[in-house]
Amino acid sequence: MQYTLATDASPDLAAIEQALVTLDPSALIDLDARGQIIRISTLVTEQELLGSLRDAGVVDASRHLARVPSECCGGCGG
């Protein structure tokens, strides 16, 4: 699943990644060019993701987290 997390502060991406990869070693995160949106791709549930963000020190993530609709076309059969 893919998510975006709006942020108005400089996020600690290393802390977020460390908290998330304990649940999903294949998780990917990055920050958009403006530094305001964290993009997250993971297999964990939304509740697990919120817990990981909380563990990483992200305050009130549930208000700023949005699930991104799937972009999968199914063409690869995966």
Protein backbone atom coordinates (compact mmCIF):
# COMPACT_ATOMS: atom_id res chain seq x y z
CA MET A 1 0.00 0.00 0.00
CA GLN A 2 1.09 3.53 -0.62
CA TYR A 3 0.58 6.48 1.68
CA THR A 4 1.47 10.14 1.88
CA LEU A 5 2.17 11.97 5.09
CA ALA A 6 1.99 15.76 5.05
CA THR A 7 4.53 17.45 7.28
CA ASP A 8 5.35 21.04 8.11
CA ALA A 9 8.49 20.24 10.08
CA SER A 10 11.74 18.62 9.00
CA PRO A 11 10.96 14.94 9.45
CA ASP A 12 13.56 12.50 10.74
CA LEU A 13 13.40 10.09 7.80
CA ALA A 14 16.03 7.80 9.32
CA ALA A 15 13.93 7.34 12.48
CA ILE A 16 10.77 6.73 10.44
CA GLU A 17 12.53 4.21 8.21
CA GLN A 18 14.09 2.41 11.17
CA ALA A 19 10.72 2.09 12.93
CA LEU A 20 8.97 0.92 9.77
CA VAL A 21 11.49 -1.64 8.51
CA THR A 22 11.22 -3.58 11.76
CA LEU A 23 7.71 -4.55 10.55
CA ASP A 24 8.35 -4.46 6.80
CA PRO A 25 11.97 -4.80 5.63
CA SER A 26 10.89 -3.99 2.06
CA ALA A 27 9.25 -0.67 3.01
CA LEU A 28 10.33 2.43 1.08
CA ILE A 29 10.07 6.05 2.14
CA ASP A 30 11.14 9.29 0.56
CA LEU A 31 10.50 13.00 0.79
CA ASP A 32 9.08 15.06 -2.05
CA ALA A 33 11.22 17.82 -3.58
CA ARG A 34 9.53 20.55 -1.53
CA GLY A 35 10.14 18.64 1.70
CA GLN A 36 6.49 18.66 2.71
CA ILE A 37 5.22 15.19 1.79
CA ILE A 38 6.67 11.88 2.90
CA ARG A 39 5.81 9.08 0.48
CA ILE A 40 5.56 5.61 2.02
CA SER A 41 5.25 2.25 0.29
CA THR A 42 4.71 -0.70 2.65
CA LEU A 43 2.92 -3.96 3.26
CA VAL A 44 1.91 -3.11 6.85
CA THR A 45 -1.62 -2.13 7.81
CA GLU A 46 -2.53 1.48 8.38
CA GLN A 47 -2.70 0.91 12.15
CA GLU A 48 0.77 -0.68 12.15
CA LEU A 49 2.08 2.22 10.09
CA LEU A 50 0.61 4.74 12.53
CA GLY A 51 2.27 2.85 15.39
CA SER A 52 5.62 2.95 13.61
CA LEU A 53 5.25 6.67 12.95
CA ARG A 54 4.39 7.25 16.60
CA ASP A 55 7.48 5.22 17.62
CA ALA A 56 9.55 7.46 15.31
CA GLY A 57 8.29 10.58 17.08
CA VAL A 58 5.78 11.73 14.46
CA VAL A 59 3.04 13.51 16.39
CA ASP A 60 -0.59 13.28 15.27
CA ALA A 61 0.19 11.30 12.11
CA SER A 62 -3.39 10.05 11.72
CA ARG A 63 -4.58 13.55 10.78
CA HIS A 64 -1.97 13.89 8.03
CA LEU A 65 -1.77 10.35 6.64
CA ALA A 66 -3.57 9.57 3.37
CA ARG A 67 -3.77 6.28 1.53
CA VAL A 68 -2.90 6.60 -2.15
CA PRO A 69 -5.01 4.59 -4.61
CA SER A 70 -3.20 1.68 -6.25
CA GLU A 71 -1.39 2.41 -9.50
CA CYS A 72 -1.07 -1.28 -10.33
CA CYS A 73 -2.40 -2.21 -13.75
CA GLY A 74 -2.10 -5.95 -13.07
CA GLY A 75 -0.13 -6.41 -16.28
CA CYS A 76 2.77 -8.21 -14.64
CA GLY A 77 0.51 -10.81 -13.07
CA GLY A 78 1.78 -9.95 -9.58
